Every structure is written in structure tokens, then in C-alpha cells.
Amino acid sequence: MTTSVKPVETRRLYQTIADQINSLIRLGSFQAGTRLPPERELAQQLGVSRPSLREALIALEIRGQVEIRMGSGVYVCEGSTEEPPLTSMGESPTELMQARAAIEGCVIVLACTRLTPDGTARLQKSVDTMRELIAAGRSPLEPDRQFHMTLAEIAGNSVLTRLVGELFDGRNDPIAAKVSGLAENITTWGVALSEHERILRTLESRDPIASQAAMRSHLKASEERWVGGV
């Protein structure tokens, strides 16, 4: 008779922090209807970074344990005392962006040495489409993805292309999607557009060092807008 063994779940940091907050709610430290301590104070109390705390709070909001009220604070919801440990809602948005910066910072160096007029035209089309959608008040997510995928394709490494696509699509995980909904707007997309334009200019100048710096700067800024802006 064979016995099936259930794989052990790898715990993300935001899950561990969410479980700590869950325990405090269950023990009565945070009562239903009350506001949690300010972010800085709670992060110090738990011994964690503020971005990681934000991710944990967003995960708890998805589950219905807390309510994030922009400009007011985070409040404990009714019926939050009997929740089990938090299951995974996807990769940490912060870690996703850091991984993208590491990989795409290398990808763009390869792309810079292999750029052709056709590749430049494809990148320019993505940027132009982003600009048109932003002007129309619509999300430019698809041409944004196409810009990064085109760079990976120009680099000429199928494994890197797959990784770039998988990391970008990590934004569709529940926790990343919630972060996007809270942090992204036409203003932040306009800033991202200018960063894409800068990346394209450095590529056209065939300067791999400047291109790498522009890409990593863009993804670091995106991380700060994405998680820091929540």
C-alpha cells in the first residue's frame, strides 16, 4: 500500500509575517474594528522591513482579515480570530522586482550588442503604444511586457527569454495583482514610460554600461512605486 506524501510548502517571508500578525489578532492584542499600529511602529515591533510588512498586510486584506484604508490606516475585520496560517498567494512582489533587475540587467547587455534596426523598430513601437494608451487613460501593461520580452528575444537566449516572461507574469499572482491595483495609475505609468524611453536611447547609443544602469534604475524605481507606494 502506497502512501501519498504532501509536499512541504516553502514559506515566503510575507506569509511568516502575516502569521505573526494573525497570532496577535487571535491572542487579542489587536481587537476587531481597531486600527493596527502605524507601519513604522509595527515593523519595528515585528523586526521586519516595511516593504515586507506591507506585503503581509496586503495578503491579510485579500483573505479578509484586515482592511487597508488609504490615508487612514489598517483595521482588523470582524471574524479574524480563527484563521489558519496563510497559504501562498504567489511570490513576494519585492523579490520579483529584485529578480527582474538581476536578470534583465544582464539581458540588456546582450541585447545592446545584438541590436538591429528591426529590433530598434519593435522596441520603439512598444514605447509608442504605451504612450498612446496612457494618453487615452488606459493601462499600457501589454506593450510594457512586449518591450521587455523584445529585449530578451534580441539578446538571443531562449532560457533568459522564458525567465523574463515568467517573472513579468508573476504580477498576475494574487498578492502582486492586489499590489498593482493599489499602486498603479496613469501618473506612475507616465513615469515608467519615460524610463522606457531612456532605456531605448541608451540602446540606440550602443552603450551596454549605460543600458544596464538604465534598466536596473527602471526596475528599482518600479519596485519602489509598486510596493513602496502602497
Protein backbone atom coordinates (compact mmCIF):
# COMPACT_ATOMS: atom_id res chain seq x y z
CA MET A 1 0.00 0.00 0.00
CA THR A 2 1.49 3.32 -1.05
CA THR A 3 1.07 6.49 0.96
CA SER A 4 0.98 9.83 -0.80
CA VAL A 5 3.20 12.45 0.73
CA LYS A 6 2.07 16.03 0.55
CA PRO A 7 4.89 18.39 -0.50
CA VAL A 8 6.06 20.80 2.18
CA GLU A 9 5.17 24.36 1.26
CA THR A 10 8.04 26.82 1.03
CA ARG A 11 7.10 29.72 3.28
CA ARG A 12 7.54 33.22 1.87
CA LEU A 13 8.54 35.97 4.26
CA TYR A 14 5.21 37.77 3.88
CA GLN A 15 3.44 34.55 4.95
CA THR A 16 5.54 34.32 8.11
CA ILE A 17 4.87 37.97 8.96
CA ALA A 18 1.15 37.55 8.24
CA ASP A 19 1.10 34.56 10.61
CA GLN A 20 2.70 36.71 13.32
CA ILE A 21 0.00 39.35 12.91
CA ASN A 22 -2.64 36.62 12.78
CA SER A 23 -1.36 35.28 16.12
CA LEU A 24 -1.55 38.75 17.69
CA ILE A 25 -5.14 39.09 16.48
CA ARG A 26 -6.03 35.64 17.82
CA LEU A 27 -4.46 36.42 21.22
CA GLY A 28 -6.43 39.65 21.47
CA SER A 29 -3.57 42.10 21.04
CA PHE A 30 -5.45 43.64 18.11
CA GLN A 31 -9.23 43.72 18.53
CA ALA A 32 -11.77 43.62 15.70
CA GLY A 33 -12.61 47.11 14.49
CA THR A 34 -9.43 48.68 15.87
CA ARG A 35 -6.57 50.14 13.87
CA LEU A 36 -3.21 48.42 13.79
CA PRO A 37 -0.18 50.41 14.98
CA PRO A 38 1.44 52.72 12.38
CA GLU A 39 3.53 50.91 9.81
CA ARG A 40 6.90 52.03 11.17
CA GLU A 41 5.96 51.04 14.72
CA LEU A 42 4.54 47.65 13.70
CA ALA A 43 7.57 46.86 11.54
CA GLN A 44 9.86 47.60 14.48
CA GLN A 45 7.69 45.53 16.81
CA LEU A 46 7.88 42.52 14.49
CA GLY A 47 11.50 43.09 13.49
CA VAL A 48 10.81 43.21 9.76
CA SER A 49 11.21 45.66 6.88
CA ARG A 50 8.35 47.94 5.94
CA PRO A 51 8.03 46.57 2.37
CA SER A 52 7.75 43.01 3.73
CA LEU A 53 5.18 44.18 6.28
CA ARG A 54 3.16 45.86 3.51
CA GLU A 55 3.10 42.60 1.57
CA ALA A 56 1.88 40.71 4.65
CA LEU A 57 -0.87 43.25 5.28
CA ILE A 58 -1.98 43.08 1.65
CA ALA A 59 -2.12 39.28 1.89
CA LEU A 60 -4.24 39.55 5.05
CA GLU A 61 -6.54 42.01 3.28
CA ILE A 62 -7.01 39.58 0.40
CA ARG A 63 -8.05 36.96 2.96
CA GLY A 64 -10.44 39.42 4.62
CA GLN A 65 -8.69 39.73 7.98
CA VAL A 66 -7.78 43.40 7.69
CA GLU A 67 -8.94 46.40 5.71
CA ILE A 68 -6.41 48.88 4.32
CA ARG A 69 -7.93 52.35 4.27
CA MET A 70 -5.70 54.67 2.27
CA GLY A 71 -4.77 57.72 4.34
CA SER A 72 -6.31 56.26 7.50
CA GLY A 73 -4.57 53.01 8.38
CA VAL A 74 -5.11 49.27 8.60
CA TYR A 75 -8.11 47.96 10.56
CA VAL A 76 -8.85 44.48 11.92
CA CYS A 77 -12.01 42.97 10.41
CA GLU A 78 -14.69 41.11 12.31
CA GLY A 79 -14.30 37.33 12.44
CA SER A 80 -10.50 37.40 12.08
CA THR A 81 -9.58 35.38 15.16
CA GLU A 82 -9.91 31.81 13.88
CA GLU A 83 -7.96 31.98 10.62
CA PRO A 84 -5.33 29.26 9.90
CA PRO A 85 -1.77 30.01 8.75
CA LEU A 86 -1.66 31.95 5.50
CA THR A 87 -1.26 29.93 2.31
CA SER A 88 0.91 31.22 -0.53
CA MET A 89 -0.53 33.92 -2.76
CA GLY A 90 2.46 33.96 -5.11
CA GLU A 91 5.98 35.27 -4.97
CA SER A 92 6.87 38.36 -2.98
CA PRO A 93 6.37 41.41 -5.25
CA THR A 94 9.58 42.92 -3.86
CA GLU A 95 11.58 39.78 -4.62
CA LEU A 96 10.03 39.53 -8.08
CA MET A 97 11.29 43.01 -8.95
CA GLN A 98 14.73 42.31 -7.49
CA ALA A 99 14.98 39.12 -9.55
CA ARG A 100 13.90 41.01 -12.66
CA ALA A 101 16.60 43.64 -12.06
CA ALA A 102 19.27 40.95 -11.72
CA ILE A 103 18.25 39.02 -14.84
CA GLU A 104 17.19 41.86 -17.13
CA GLY A 105 20.28 43.82 -16.17
CA CYS A 106 22.27 41.03 -17.85
CA VAL A 107 19.81 40.55 -20.70
CA ILE A 108 20.08 44.16 -21.83
CA VAL A 109 23.87 43.96 -22.12
CA LEU A 110 23.48 41.09 -24.59
CA ALA A 111 20.69 42.92 -26.40
CA CYS A 112 22.84 46.04 -26.73
CA THR A 113 25.50 44.11 -28.65
CA ARG A 114 22.94 42.39 -30.91
CA LEU A 115 20.54 45.22 -31.62
CA THR A 116 19.39 45.51 -35.25
CA PRO A 117 17.27 48.17 -36.98
CA ASP A 118 14.33 45.77 -36.84
CA GLY A 119 14.82 45.27 -33.10
CA THR A 120 15.00 49.02 -32.57
CA ALA A 121 11.77 49.48 -34.52
CA ARG A 122 9.98 46.84 -32.44
CA LEU A 123 11.09 48.46 -29.20
CA GLN A 124 10.04 51.89 -30.47
CA LYS A 125 6.62 50.52 -31.38
CA SER A 126 6.14 49.22 -27.84
CA VAL A 127 7.08 52.61 -26.40
CA ASP A 128 4.77 54.43 -28.83
CA THR A 129 1.88 52.12 -27.95
CA MET A 130 2.49 52.70 -24.26
CA ARG A 131 2.34 56.46 -24.84
CA GLU A 132 -0.92 56.19 -26.80
CA LEU A 133 -2.63 54.06 -24.17
CA ILE A 134 -1.53 56.32 -21.32
CA ALA A 135 -2.82 59.36 -23.21
CA ALA A 136 -6.15 57.54 -23.56
CA GLY A 137 -6.26 56.81 -19.83
CA ARG A 138 -5.75 53.07 -20.33
CA SER A 139 -3.27 50.60 -18.89
CA PRO A 140 -0.17 50.09 -21.09
CA LEU A 141 0.65 46.75 -19.45
CA GLU A 142 0.72 44.71 -22.67
CA PRO A 143 3.19 46.93 -24.60
CA ASP A 144 5.22 47.20 -21.38
CA ARG A 145 5.50 43.41 -21.34
CA GLN A 146 6.26 43.37 -25.06
CA PHE A 147 9.12 45.85 -24.58
CA HIS A 148 10.84 43.62 -22.02
CA MET A 149 10.16 40.44 -24.00
CA THR A 150 11.53 42.01 -27.18
CA LEU A 151 14.76 42.89 -25.38
CA ALA A 152 15.07 39.28 -24.22
CA GLU A 153 14.44 38.00 -27.73
CA ILE A 154 17.07 40.36 -29.14
CA ALA A 155 19.55 39.02 -26.57
CA GLY A 156 19.14 35.65 -28.30
CA ASN A 157 18.93 33.29 -25.32
CA SER A 158 15.74 31.24 -25.11
CA VAL A 159 16.21 30.38 -21.43
CA LEU A 160 16.57 34.05 -20.49
CA THR A 161 13.54 34.90 -22.64
CA ARG A 162 11.47 32.33 -20.76
CA LEU A 163 12.65 33.63 -17.38
CA VAL A 164 11.89 37.24 -18.30
CA GLY A 165 8.36 36.24 -19.31
CA GLU A 166 7.76 34.15 -16.19
CA LEU A 167 8.98 36.88 -13.85
CA PHE A 168 6.93 39.56 -15.60
CA ASP A 169 3.83 37.37 -15.43
CA GLY A 170 4.36 36.89 -11.71
CA ARG A 171 2.44 40.16 -11.40
CA ASN A 172 -0.70 38.08 -12.09
CA ASP A 173 -0.34 36.21 -8.78
CA PRO A 174 -2.98 37.27 -6.22
CA ILE A 175 -0.68 39.31 -3.99
CA ALA A 176 1.13 41.03 -6.89
CA ALA A 177 -2.17 41.77 -8.65
CA LYS A 178 -3.51 43.40 -5.48
CA VAL A 179 -0.34 45.50 -5.17
CA SER A 180 -0.71 46.59 -8.79
CA GLY A 181 -4.30 47.64 -8.22
CA LEU A 182 -3.32 49.77 -5.24
CA ALA A 183 -0.14 51.34 -6.61
CA GLU A 184 -0.50 51.77 -10.37
CA ASN A 185 -2.22 54.69 -12.04
CA ILE A 186 -1.80 56.91 -15.08
CA THR A 187 0.76 59.06 -13.26
CA THR A 188 3.00 56.14 -12.29
CA TRP A 189 2.67 54.68 -15.77
CA GLY A 190 3.78 58.02 -17.22
CA VAL A 191 6.97 57.85 -15.15
CA ALA A 192 7.52 54.26 -16.29
CA LEU A 193 7.13 55.39 -19.91
CA SER A 194 9.90 57.97 -19.52
CA GLU A 195 12.14 55.24 -18.09
CA HIS A 196 11.45 53.01 -21.09
CA GLU A 197 12.33 55.89 -23.39
CA ARG A 198 15.64 56.36 -21.56
CA ILE A 199 16.42 52.64 -21.89
CA LEU A 200 15.76 52.83 -25.63
CA ARG A 201 18.04 55.87 -26.02
CA THR A 202 20.93 54.09 -24.27
CA LEU A 203 20.42 51.05 -26.51
CA GLU A 204 20.49 53.20 -29.63
CA SER A 205 23.79 54.68 -28.45
CA ARG A 206 25.18 51.12 -28.18
CA ASP A 207 26.39 51.75 -24.63
CA PRO A 208 25.99 48.49 -22.64
CA ILE A 209 27.01 50.07 -19.32
CA ALA A 210 24.51 52.91 -19.65
CA SER A 211 21.84 50.47 -20.87
CA GLN A 212 22.34 48.20 -17.88
CA ALA A 213 22.24 51.17 -15.49
CA ALA A 214 19.03 52.46 -17.13
CA MET A 215 17.32 49.06 -16.87
CA ARG A 216 18.28 48.48 -13.25
CA SER A 217 17.28 52.03 -12.35
CA HIS A 218 13.89 51.49 -14.02
CA LEU A 219 13.20 48.22 -12.20
CA LYS A 220 14.37 49.61 -8.85
CA ALA A 221 12.09 52.61 -9.31
CA SER A 222 9.27 50.26 -10.33
CA GLU A 223 9.80 48.27 -7.13
CA GLU A 224 9.58 51.43 -5.04
CA ARG A 225 6.44 52.61 -6.85
CA TRP A 226 4.88 49.15 -6.68
CA VAL A 227 5.47 48.22 -3.04
CA GLY A 228 6.62 51.49 -1.52
CA GLY A 229 3.61 53.33 -2.87
CA VAL A 230 1.04 51.06 -1.20
